[in-house]
Amino acid sequence: MFNTRQGAMLAEETPTETRARGTWVALTACHGRGATGGVVEMNPTSPRTLAPHKEADPRRWRTRFCLSGLGGFALPVGGLLLVGALLLASCDSSRGTLAPTVVQTSPIAGAANVPTDSDLRIGFSEAMAESSVKVEVDATHDPGLDSGRWTDAETIVFKTTSGWQIDTDYSVSITGRNLAGTPLAAGTSITFHTAAVTSIGAPAMPGNVRVEAGDGSFDLTWDANHEPDLDGYTLYWGPANGPPDSALFVAAPATSATVSGVNNAQPYDVTVDAIDIAGHHSEPTAPVTSE
């Protein structure tokens, strides 16, 4: 039965005896004539007390345990064990059914002035199925996130291949499932804004310039620069052994370009320099010749 006054669930067998003595409420459960019944009593006035007690009448011996802090109610030992088992079963059955959440990120959601070379770190509320976790960047510039590295069962770190663009708003959508298959809430994402980096001086000269002639064109490739304030590259070309007479700007992070409209019979010398957001140019590369 339920003792609504005390808010406690009481297990009962015949015969029983209930008594109220001040803040004490006791239930004696006798499992058959002359049997011993166990009683648990809660007494908020006796913190952390565990005191056995036996009735003087051997026919109605019962052990009483005095506990505290639960509002003053009594429960048979068997009932107490049953309630505990039910609570544990309830906790176990709910494991994995609640949606996991993102509990920590770096950059933090809403951050400003985020360095352009920052990693993206995501911490979850519980262990995740690693292959299920995906991120998608919504921005005008894709930083080229790698596949990520798990530092523990709840944390994954992504590195960028080209860096975050300066002075740019980013929104990163996150999806994934926990080990029980329960997904993150739809629309899980973070937003942040990268720093507006000022010029740190002229960029380095691009390296490893390569040219390959085509039909009325040539293809040019070079190694990327990594300055945070890099704006792009300028290609210069002209007839071999003469000054350049044409130029083309290629925005970072691109590291290749095709030049068309050239004469197949004419070799060309091509050079490349890098330029930052303040307009500072690197030294040009040594000429390479298309043939």
C-alpha atoms as a PDB file:
ATOM      1  CA  MET A   1       0.000   0.000   0.000  1.00  0.00           C
ATOM      2  CA  PHE A   2       1.006   3.649  -0.189  1.00  0.00           C
ATOM      3  CA  ASN A   3       1.343   5.792   2.877  1.00  0.00           C
ATOM      4  CA  THR A   4       0.323   9.071   1.231  1.00  0.00           C
ATOM      5  CA  ARG A   5       1.006  11.142   4.332  1.00  0.00           C
ATOM      6  CA  GLN A   6       4.640  10.134   4.400  1.00  0.00           C
ATOM      7  CA  GLY A   7       5.064   9.663   0.616  1.00  0.00           C
ATOM      8  CA  ALA A   8       6.518   6.150   1.095  1.00  0.00           C
ATOM      9  CA  MET A   9       5.562   2.830  -0.486  1.00  0.00           C
ATOM     10  CA  LEU A  10       4.975   0.166   2.157  1.00  0.00           C
ATOM     11  CA  ALA A  11       4.998  -3.585   1.502  1.00  0.00           C
ATOM     12  CA  GLU A  12       2.463  -5.397   3.671  1.00  0.00           C
ATOM     13  CA  GLU A  13       1.759  -8.943   4.797  1.00  0.00           C
ATOM     14  CA  THR A  14      -0.573 -10.119   7.526  1.00  0.00           C
ATOM     15  CA  PRO A  15      -0.325  -9.575  10.415  1.00  0.00           C
ATOM     16  CA  THR A  16       1.147  -6.067  10.399  1.00  0.00           C
ATOM     17  CA  GLU A  17       1.587  -3.309  12.884  1.00  0.00           C
ATOM     18  CA  THR A  18       2.114   0.359  12.127  1.00  0.00           C
ATOM     19  CA  ARG A  19       2.877   2.971  14.752  1.00  0.00           C
ATOM     20  CA  ALA A  20       3.745   6.647  14.793  1.00  0.00           C
ATOM     21  CA  ARG A  21       6.040   7.933  17.529  1.00  0.00           C
ATOM     22  CA  GLY A  22       6.904  11.564  16.890  1.00  0.00           C
ATOM     23  CA  THR A  23       8.900  11.608  13.690  1.00  0.00           C
ATOM     24  CA  TRP A  24       9.082   7.806  13.559  1.00  0.00           C
ATOM     25  CA  VAL A  25       6.812   5.713  11.391  1.00  0.00           C
ATOM     26  CA  ALA A  26       7.321   1.949  11.692  1.00  0.00           C
ATOM     27  CA  LEU A  27       5.918  -1.016   9.793  1.00  0.00           C
ATOM     28  CA  THR A  28       6.252  -4.546  11.192  1.00  0.00           C
ATOM     29  CA  ALA A  29       5.856  -7.270   8.556  1.00  0.00           C
ATOM     30  CA  CYS A  30       5.368 -10.783  10.009  1.00  0.00           C
ATOM     31  CA  HIS A  31       5.729 -13.521   7.434  1.00  0.00           C
ATOM     32  CA  GLY A  32       3.518 -16.092   9.151  1.00  0.00           C
ATOM     33  CA  ARG A  33       2.625 -16.772  12.757  1.00  0.00           C
ATOM     34  CA  GLY A  34       5.572 -16.356  15.091  1.00  0.00           C
ATOM     35  CA  ALA A  35       7.907 -15.373  12.258  1.00  0.00           C
ATOM     36  CA  THR A  36      10.469 -12.606  12.509  1.00  0.00           C
ATOM     37  CA  GLY A  37       9.679  -9.443  10.537  1.00  0.00           C
ATOM     38  CA  GLY A  38      12.256  -6.878   9.431  1.00  0.00           C
ATOM     39  CA  VAL A  39      11.589  -3.160   9.722  1.00  0.00           C
ATOM     40  CA  VAL A  40      13.447  -0.139   8.346  1.00  0.00           C
ATOM     41  CA  GLU A  41      12.620   3.177   9.976  1.00  0.00           C
ATOM     42  CA  MET A  42      13.643   6.618   8.721  1.00  0.00           C
ATOM     43  CA  ASN A  43      14.266   9.302  11.325  1.00  0.00           C
ATOM     44  CA  PRO A  44      15.502  12.679  10.038  1.00  0.00           C
ATOM     45  CA  THR A  45      16.475  13.704  13.571  1.00  0.00           C
ATOM     46  CA  SER A  46      19.159  10.995  13.765  1.00  0.00           C
ATOM     47  CA  PRO A  47      21.548  11.626  10.863  1.00  0.00           C
ATOM     48  CA  ARG A  48      23.572   8.693   9.588  1.00  0.00           C
ATOM     49  CA  THR A  49      22.272   6.346  12.347  1.00  0.00           C
ATOM     50  CA  LEU A  50      22.103   2.582  11.871  1.00  0.00           C
ATOM     51  CA  ALA A  51      20.804   1.019  15.102  1.00  0.00           C
ATOM     52  CA  PRO A  52      19.483  -2.571  15.414  1.00  0.00           C
ATOM     53  CA  HIS A  53      16.657  -3.197  17.859  1.00  0.00           C
ATOM     54  CA  LYS A  54      14.835  -6.357  18.997  1.00  0.00           C
ATOM     55  CA  GLU A  55      11.356  -6.624  20.501  1.00  0.00           C
ATOM     56  CA  ALA A  56      11.186  -8.068  23.990  1.00  0.00           C
ATOM     57  CA  ASP A  57       8.473 -10.489  22.967  1.00  0.00           C
ATOM     58  CA  PRO A  58      10.344 -13.337  21.176  1.00  0.00           C
ATOM     59  CA  ARG A  59       7.203 -14.189  19.225  1.00  0.00           C
ATOM     60  CA  ARG A  60       7.318 -10.799  17.595  1.00  0.00           C
ATOM     61  CA  TRP A  61      11.057 -10.218  17.325  1.00  0.00           C
ATOM     62  CA  ARG A  62      11.901  -7.749  14.661  1.00  0.00           C
ATOM     63  CA  THR A  63      15.039  -5.853  13.749  1.00  0.00           C
ATOM     64  CA  ARG A  64      14.716  -2.104  13.399  1.00  0.00           C
ATOM     65  CA  PHE A  65      17.263  -0.006  11.516  1.00  0.00           C
ATOM     66  CA  CYS A  66      17.294   3.750  11.984  1.00  0.00           C
ATOM     67  CA  LEU A  67      18.311   5.688   8.846  1.00  0.00           C
ATOM     68  CA  SER A  68      18.007   9.378   8.131  1.00  0.00           C
ATOM     69  CA  GLY A  69      17.504  12.098   5.579  1.00  0.00           C
ATOM     70  CA  LEU A  70      14.524  10.648   3.641  1.00  0.00           C
ATOM     71  CA  GLY A  71      11.676  12.544   5.254  1.00  0.00           C
ATOM     72  CA  GLY A  72      10.708  10.074   7.987  1.00  0.00           C
ATOM     73  CA  PHE A  73       9.186   6.819   6.710  1.00  0.00           C
ATOM     74  CA  ALA A  74       9.542   3.072   7.309  1.00  0.00           C
ATOM     75  CA  LEU A  75      10.015   0.263   4.794  1.00  0.00           C
ATOM     76  CA  PRO A  76      10.527  -3.494   5.300  1.00  0.00           C
ATOM     77  CA  VAL A  77      14.006  -4.752   4.474  1.00  0.00           C
ATOM     78  CA  GLY A  78      12.690  -6.951   1.668  1.00  0.00           C
ATOM     79  CA  GLY A  79      10.756  -4.027   0.233  1.00  0.00           C
ATOM     80  CA  LEU A  80      13.804  -1.794   0.460  1.00  0.00           C
ATOM     81  CA  LEU A  81      15.858  -4.294  -1.511  1.00  0.00           C
ATOM     82  CA  LEU A  82      13.079  -4.609  -4.083  1.00  0.00           C
ATOM     83  CA  VAL A  83      12.819  -0.844  -4.542  1.00  0.00           C
ATOM     84  CA  GLY A  84      16.612  -0.614  -4.929  1.00  0.00           C
ATOM     85  CA  ALA A  85      16.604  -3.352  -7.555  1.00  0.00           C
ATOM     86  CA  LEU A  86      13.816  -1.605  -9.455  1.00  0.00           C
ATOM     87  CA  LEU A  87      15.701   1.691  -9.384  1.00  0.00           C
ATOM     88  CA  LEU A  88      18.874   0.027 -10.680  1.00  0.00           C
ATOM     89  CA  ALA A  89      16.921  -1.705 -13.436  1.00  0.00           C
ATOM     90  CA  SER A  90      15.310   1.592 -14.392  1.00  0.00           C
ATOM     91  CA  CYS A  91      18.691   3.298 -14.584  1.00  0.00           C
ATOM     92  CA  ASP A  92      20.118   0.475 -16.654  1.00  0.00           C
ATOM     93  CA  SER A  93      17.165   0.381 -19.050  1.00  0.00           C
ATOM     94  CA  SER A  94      17.431   4.121 -19.669  1.00  0.00           C
ATOM     95  CA  ARG A  95      21.154   3.930 -20.461  1.00  0.00           C
ATOM     96  CA  GLY A  96      21.740   5.064 -24.032  1.00  0.00           C
ATOM     97  CA  THR A  97      18.106   6.101 -24.660  1.00  0.00           C
ATOM     98  CA  LEU A  98      18.742   9.746 -23.826  1.00  0.00           C
ATOM     99  CA  ALA A  99      20.220  11.750 -26.679  1.00  0.00           C
ATOM    100  CA  PRO A 100      23.948  12.504 -26.303  1.00  0.00           C
ATOM    101  CA  THR A 101      24.960  16.147 -26.287  1.00  0.00           C
ATOM    102  CA  VAL A 102      27.962  18.287 -27.136  1.00  0.00           C
ATOM    103  CA  VAL A 103      29.304  19.496 -23.792  1.00  0.00           C
ATOM    104  CA  GLN A 104      32.490  21.298 -24.816  1.00  0.00           C
ATOM    105  CA  THR A 105      34.038  22.703 -27.973  1.00  0.00           C
ATOM    106  CA  SER A 106      37.136  24.608 -28.955  1.00  0.00           C
ATOM    107  CA  PRO A 107      36.624  27.173 -30.330  1.00  0.00           C
ATOM    108  CA  ILE A 108      33.717  27.682 -27.947  1.00  0.00           C
ATOM    109  CA  ALA A 109      30.327  28.488 -29.424  1.00  0.00           C
ATOM    110  CA  GLY A 110      30.023  32.196 -30.186  1.00  0.00           C
ATOM    111  CA  ALA A 111      33.760  32.851 -29.888  1.00  0.00           C
ATOM    112  CA  ALA A 112      35.324  35.822 -31.663  1.00  0.00           C
ATOM    113  CA  ASN A 113      38.908  36.488 -32.746  1.00  0.00           C
ATOM    114  CA  VAL A 114      39.585  32.762 -33.181  1.00  0.00           C
ATOM    115  CA  PRO A 115      43.152  32.171 -34.454  1.00  0.00           C
ATOM    116  CA  THR A 116      43.181  30.944 -38.028  1.00  0.00           C
ATOM    117  CA  ASP A 117      45.412  27.973 -37.168  1.00  0.00           C
ATOM    118  CA  SER A 118      43.086  26.642 -34.425  1.00  0.00           C
ATOM    119  CA  ASP A 119      42.097  22.978 -34.216  1.00  0.00           C
ATOM    120  CA  LEU A 120      38.414  22.069 -33.880  1.00  0.00           C
ATOM    121  CA  ARG A 121      37.851  20.045 -30.679  1.00  0.00           C
ATOM    122  CA  ILE A 122      34.458  18.537 -29.790  1.00  0.00           C
ATOM    123  CA  GLY A 123      33.624  16.879 -26.463  1.00  0.00           C
ATOM    124  CA  PHE A 124      30.483  14.768 -26.047  1.00  0.00           C
ATOM    125  CA  SER A 125      28.479  13.850 -22.946  1.00  0.00           C
ATOM    126  CA  GLU A 126      29.242  10.141 -23.418  1.00  0.00           C
ATOM    127  CA  ALA A 127      31.148   7.679 -25.569  1.00  0.00           C
ATOM    128  CA  MET A 128      30.235   7.923 -29.240  1.00  0.00           C
ATOM    129  CA  ALA A 129      30.281   5.513 -32.166  1.00  0.00           C
ATOM    130  CA  GLU A 130      33.416   6.934 -33.769  1.00  0.00           C
ATOM    131  CA  SER A 131      32.501   6.298 -37.400  1.00  0.00           C
ATOM    132  CA  SER A 132      29.143   8.046 -36.952  1.00  0.00           C
ATOM    133  CA  VAL A 133      30.524  11.463 -35.973  1.00  0.00           C
ATOM    134  CA  LYS A 134      30.572  13.931 -38.867  1.00  0.00           C
ATOM    135  CA  VAL A 135      31.113  17.678 -39.100  1.00  0.00           C
ATOM    136  CA  GLU A 136      30.137  20.006 -41.929  1.00  0.00           C
ATOM    137  CA  VAL A 137      31.458  23.543 -42.309  1.00  0.00           C
ATOM    138  CA  ASP A 138      29.084  26.173 -43.701  1.00  0.00           C
ATOM    139  CA  ALA A 139      31.187  29.131 -44.826  1.00  0.00           C
ATOM    140  CA  THR A 140      32.493  30.829 -47.934  1.00  0.00           C
ATOM    141  CA  HIS A 141      35.899  29.290 -47.243  1.00  0.00           C
ATOM    142  CA  ASP A 142      36.409  25.589 -46.565  1.00  0.00           C
ATOM    143  CA  PRO A 143      39.318  25.045 -44.136  1.00  0.00           C
ATOM    144  CA  GLY A 144      39.735  21.456 -45.303  1.00  0.00           C
ATOM    145  CA  LEU A 145      39.129  19.556 -42.055  1.00  0.00           C
ATOM    146  CA  ASP A 146      40.797  16.163 -41.783  1.00  0.00           C
ATOM    147  CA  SER A 147      38.976  12.993 -40.659  1.00  0.00           C
ATOM    148  CA  GLY A 148      39.627  13.745 -36.978  1.00  0.00           C
ATOM    149  CA  ARG A 149      41.517  12.015 -34.174  1.00  0.00           C
ATOM    150  CA  TRP A 150      39.845  10.616 -31.026  1.00  0.00           C
ATOM    151  CA  THR A 151      41.743  11.519 -27.864  1.00  0.00           C
ATOM    152  CA  ASP A 152      39.312   9.457 -25.748  1.00  0.00           C
ATOM    153  CA  ALA A 153      35.866   7.900 -26.182  1.00  0.00           C
ATOM    154  CA  GLU A 154      34.127  11.281 -25.819  1.00  0.00           C
ATOM    155  CA  THR A 155      36.503  13.727 -27.543  1.00  0.00           C
ATOM    156  CA  ILE A 156      37.541  14.191 -31.180  1.00  0.00           C
ATOM    157  CA  VAL A 157      39.987  16.759 -32.628  1.00  0.00           C
ATOM    158  CA  PHE A 158      39.975  17.966 -36.238  1.00  0.00           C
ATOM    159  CA  LYS A 159      42.875  19.778 -37.886  1.00  0.00           C
ATOM    160  CA  THR A 160      42.601  22.068 -40.902  1.00  0.00           C
ATOM    161  CA  THR A 161      44.639  21.587 -44.046  1.00  0.00           C
ATOM    162  CA  SER A 162      44.481  25.218 -45.182  1.00  0.00           C
ATOM    163  CA  GLY A 163      43.549  27.082 -41.993  1.00  0.00           C
ATOM    164  CA  TRP A 164      40.459  29.120 -41.194  1.00  0.00           C
ATOM    165  CA  GLN A 165      39.951  32.239 -43.305  1.00  0.00           C
ATOM    166  CA  ILE A 166      40.656  35.514 -41.497  1.00  0.00           C
ATOM    167  CA  ASP A 167      37.737  37.695 -40.369  1.00  0.00           C
ATOM    168  CA  THR A 168      35.126  35.079 -41.349  1.00  0.00           C
ATOM    169  CA  ASP A 169      31.924  33.735 -39.782  1.00  0.00           C
ATOM    170  CA  TYR A 170      31.851  29.944 -39.487  1.00  0.00           C
ATOM    171  CA  SER A 171      29.019  27.555 -38.639  1.00  0.00           C
ATOM    172  CA  VAL A 172      29.937  23.919 -37.960  1.00  0.00           C
ATOM    173  CA  SER A 173      27.148  21.304 -37.950  1.00  0.00           C
ATOM    174  CA  ILE A 174      27.768  18.155 -35.881  1.00  0.00           C
ATOM    175  CA  THR A 175      26.041  14.781 -36.247  1.00  0.00           C
ATOM    176  CA  GLY A 176      26.685  11.412 -34.630  1.00  0.00           C
ATOM    177  CA  ARG A 177      25.310   8.599 -32.452  1.00  0.00           C
ATOM    178  CA  ASN A 178      26.201   7.154 -29.084  1.00  0.00           C
ATOM    179  CA  LEU A 179      27.106   3.497 -28.613  1.00  0.00           C
ATOM    180  CA  ALA A 180      23.413   2.606 -28.223  1.00  0.00           C
ATOM    181  CA  GLY A 181      22.593   4.224 -31.578  1.00  0.00           C
ATOM    182  CA  THR A 182      20.842   7.306 -30.199  1.00  0.00           C
ATOM    183  CA  PRO A 183      21.643  10.382 -32.326  1.00  0.00           C
ATOM    184  CA  LEU A 184      22.598  13.874 -31.310  1.00  0.00           C
ATOM    185  CA  ALA A 185      19.708  16.313 -31.372  1.00  0.00           C
ATOM    186  CA  ALA A 186      18.986  17.622 -34.865  1.00  0.00           C
ATOM    187  CA  GLY A 187      20.558  20.989 -35.560  1.00  0.00           C
ATOM    188  CA  THR A 188      23.528  20.550 -33.216  1.00  0.00           C
ATOM    189  CA  SER A 189      26.099  23.154 -34.306  1.00  0.00           C
ATOM    190  CA  ILE A 190      28.500  25.843 -33.168  1.00  0.00           C
ATOM    191  CA  THR A 191      29.349  29.230 -34.665  1.00  0.00           C
ATOM    192  CA  PHE A 192      32.431  31.406 -34.275  1.00  0.00           C
ATOM    193  CA  HIS A 193      34.310  34.243 -35.975  1.00  0.00           C
ATOM    194  CA  THR A 194      37.975  34.239 -36.862  1.00  0.00           C
ATOM    195  CA  ALA A 195      40.397  37.021 -36.066  1.00  0.00           C
ATOM    196  CA  ALA A 196      40.998  39.912 -38.441  1.00  0.00           C
ATOM    197  CA  VAL A 197      44.753  39.449 -38.643  1.00  0.00           C
ATOM    198  CA  THR A 198      46.784  42.448 -39.724  1.00  0.00           C
ATOM    199  CA  SER A 199      49.752  42.084 -42.048  1.00  0.00           C
ATOM    200  CA  ILE A 200      52.837  40.516 -40.484  1.00  0.00           C
ATOM    201  CA  GLY A 201      55.150  41.547 -43.310  1.00  0.00           C
ATOM    202  CA  ALA A 202      55.786  40.302 -46.830  1.00  0.00           C
ATOM    203  CA  PRO A 203      55.062  36.589 -47.320  1.00  0.00           C
ATOM    204  CA  ALA A 204      57.662  34.028 -48.235  1.00  0.00           C
ATOM    205  CA  MET A 205      58.447  33.252 -51.850  1.00  0.00           C
ATOM    206  CA  PRO A 206      56.372  30.309 -53.164  1.00  0.00           C
ATOM    207  CA  GLY A 207      58.292  27.120 -53.762  1.00  0.00           C
ATOM    208  CA  ASN A 208      58.495  24.261 -56.237  1.00  0.00           C
ATOM    209  CA  VAL A 209      56.926  25.991 -59.252  1.00  0.00           C
ATOM    210  CA  ARG A 210      56.148  23.562 -62.084  1.00  0.00           C
ATOM    211  CA  VAL A 211      54.836  24.223 -65.587  1.00  0.00           C
ATOM    212  CA  GLU A 212      53.426  21.861 -68.200  1.00  0.00           C
ATOM    213  CA  ALA A 213      52.654  22.972 -71.762  1.00  0.00           C
ATOM    214  CA  GLY A 214      49.311  22.169 -73.391  1.00  0.00           C
ATOM    215  CA  ASP A 215      47.532  22.973 -76.645  1.00  0.00           C
ATOM    216  CA  GLY A 216      47.442  26.774 -76.672  1.00  0.00           C
ATOM    217  CA  SER A 217      47.864  26.803 -72.908  1.00  0.00           C
ATOM    218  CA  PHE A 218      50.080  25.777 -70.022  1.00  0.00           C
ATOM    219  CA  ASP A 219      49.330  24.495 -66.515  1.00  0.00           C
ATOM    220  CA  LEU A 220      51.173  25.926 -63.527  1.00  0.00           C
ATOM    221  CA  THR A 221      51.397  24.497 -59.990  1.00  0.00           C
ATOM    222  CA  TRP A 222      53.333  25.510 -56.859  1.00  0.00           C
ATOM    223  CA  ASP A 223      53.567  24.731 -53.141  1.00  0.00           C
ATOM    224  CA  ALA A 224      51.233  26.550 -50.758  1.00  0.00           C
ATOM    225  CA  ASN A 225      52.281  29.381 -48.451  1.00  0.00           C
ATOM    226  CA  HIS A 226      50.983  29.259 -44.855  1.00  0.00           C
ATOM    227  CA  GLU A 227      50.957  32.885 -43.664  1.00  0.00           C
ATOM    228  CA  PRO A 228      47.701  33.679 -41.788  1.00  0.00           C
ATOM    229  CA  ASP A 229      47.342  36.969 -43.703  1.00  0.00           C
ATOM    230  CA  LEU A 230      47.981  35.425 -47.141  1.00  0.00           C
ATOM    231  CA  ASP A 231      45.690  36.754 -49.847  1.00  0.00           C
ATOM    232  CA  GLY A 232      46.912  34.772 -52.871  1.00  0.00           C
ATOM    233  CA  TYR A 233      49.511  34.546 -55.636  1.00  0.00           C
ATOM    234  CA  THR A 234      50.366  36.501 -58.789  1.00  0.00           C
ATOM    235  CA  LEU A 235      51.524  34.670 -61.915  1.00  0.00           C
ATOM    236  CA  TYR A 236      53.660  36.525 -64.466  1.00  0.00           C
ATOM    237  CA  TRP A 237      54.608  35.279 -67.935  1.00  0.00           C
ATOM    238  CA  GLY A 238      56.066  36.455 -71.197  1.00  0.00           C
ATOM    239  CA  PRO A 239      58.190  35.199 -74.106  1.00  0.00           C
ATOM    240  CA  ALA A 240      61.258  33.306 -72.938  1.00  0.00           C
ATOM    241  CA  ASN A 241      64.321  35.432 -72.134  1.00  0.00           C
ATOM    242  CA  GLY A 242      62.209  38.603 -72.119  1.00  0.00           C
ATOM    243  CA  PRO A 243      60.306  40.598 -69.494  1.00  0.00           C
ATOM    244  CA  PRO A 244      56.821  39.348 -68.487  1.00  0.00           C
ATOM    245  CA  ASP A 245      53.946  40.989 -70.325  1.00  0.00           C
ATOM    246  CA  SER A 246      50.945  39.296 -68.671  1.00  0.00           C
ATOM    247  CA  ALA A 247      49.797  38.599 -65.125  1.00  0.00           C
ATOM    248  CA  LEU A 248      47.063  36.647 -63.322  1.00  0.00           C
ATOM    249  CA  PHE A 249      45.984  36.772 -59.656  1.00  0.00           C
ATOM    250  CA  VAL A 250      45.040  33.451 -58.019  1.00  0.00           C
ATOM    251  CA  ALA A 251      43.317  33.662 -54.628  1.00  0.00           C
ATOM    252  CA  ALA A 252      44.512  31.436 -51.768  1.00  0.00           C
ATOM    253  CA  PRO A 253      44.252  28.592 -50.978  1.00  0.00           C
ATOM    254  CA  ALA A 254      44.494  27.564 -54.660  1.00  0.00           C
ATOM    255  CA  THR A 255      47.961  26.424 -55.763  1.00  0.00           C
ATOM    256  CA  SER A 256      47.419  25.851 -59.483  1.00  0.00           C
ATOM    257  CA  ALA A 257      46.205  27.694 -62.561  1.00  0.00           C
ATOM    258  CA  THR A 258      45.825  27.246 -66.296  1.00  0.00           C
ATOM    259  CA  VAL A 259      46.924  30.005 -68.667  1.00  0.00           C
ATOM    260  CA  SER A 260      45.236  29.840 -72.077  1.00  0.00           C
ATOM    261  CA  GLY A 261      45.509  31.791 -75.330  1.00  0.00           C
ATOM    262  CA  VAL A 262      49.249  31.342 -75.749  1.00  0.00           C
ATOM    263  CA  ASN A 263      51.194  30.452 -78.892  1.00  0.00           C
ATOM    264  CA  ASN A 264      52.172  26.784 -79.069  1.00  0.00           C
ATOM    265  CA  ALA A 265      55.304  27.673 -81.016  1.00  0.00           C
ATOM    266  CA  GLN A 266      56.461  30.181 -78.412  1.00  0.00           C
ATOM    267  CA  PRO A 267      58.130  29.133 -75.132  1.00  0.00           C
ATOM    268  CA  TYR A 268      57.206  31.258 -72.110  1.00  0.00           C
ATOM    269  CA  ASP A 269      58.996  32.150 -68.900  1.00  0.00           C
ATOM    270  CA  VAL A 270      56.723  32.063 -65.862  1.00  0.00           C
ATOM    271  CA  THR A 271      57.296  33.390 -62.338  1.00  0.00           C
ATOM    272  CA  VAL A 272      55.093  33.422 -59.224  1.00  0.00           C
ATOM    273  CA  ASP A 273      54.991  35.601 -56.116  1.00  0.00           C
ATOM    274  CA  ALA A 274      52.772  35.612 -53.011  1.00  0.00           C
ATOM    275  CA  ILE A 275      50.752  38.587 -51.777  1.00  0.00           C
ATOM    276  CA  ASP A 276      49.209  39.318 -48.373  1.00  0.00           C
ATOM    277  CA  ILE A 277      46.021  41.207 -47.458  1.00  0.00           C
ATOM    278  CA  ALA A 278      47.988  44.439 -47.061  1.00  0.00           C
ATOM    279  CA  GLY A 279      49.348  44.160 -50.604  1.00  0.00           C
ATOM    280  CA  HIS A 280      52.880  43.110 -49.677  1.00  0.00           C
ATOM    281  CA  HIS A 281      54.483  40.917 -52.370  1.00  0.00           C
ATOM    282  CA  SER A 282      57.107  38.256 -51.801  1.00  0.00           C
ATOM    283  CA  GLU A 283      60.179  37.965 -53.970  1.00  0.00           C
ATOM    284  CA  PRO A 284      59.251  36.335 -57.316  1.00  0.00           C
ATOM    285  CA  THR A 285      60.357  32.818 -58.029  1.00  0.00           C
ATOM    286  CA  ALA A 286      63.042  32.053 -60.579  1.00  0.00           C
ATOM    287  CA  PRO A 287      61.569  31.714 -64.082  1.00  0.00           C
ATOM    288  CA  VAL A 288      60.418  28.320 -65.306  1.00  0.00           C
ATOM    289  CA  THR A 289      59.911  27.817 -69.027  1.00  0.00           C
ATOM    290  CA  SER A 290      56.990  26.210 -70.812  1.00  0.00           C
ATOM    291  CA  GLU A 291      57.976  24.355 -73.969  1.00  0.00           C
END
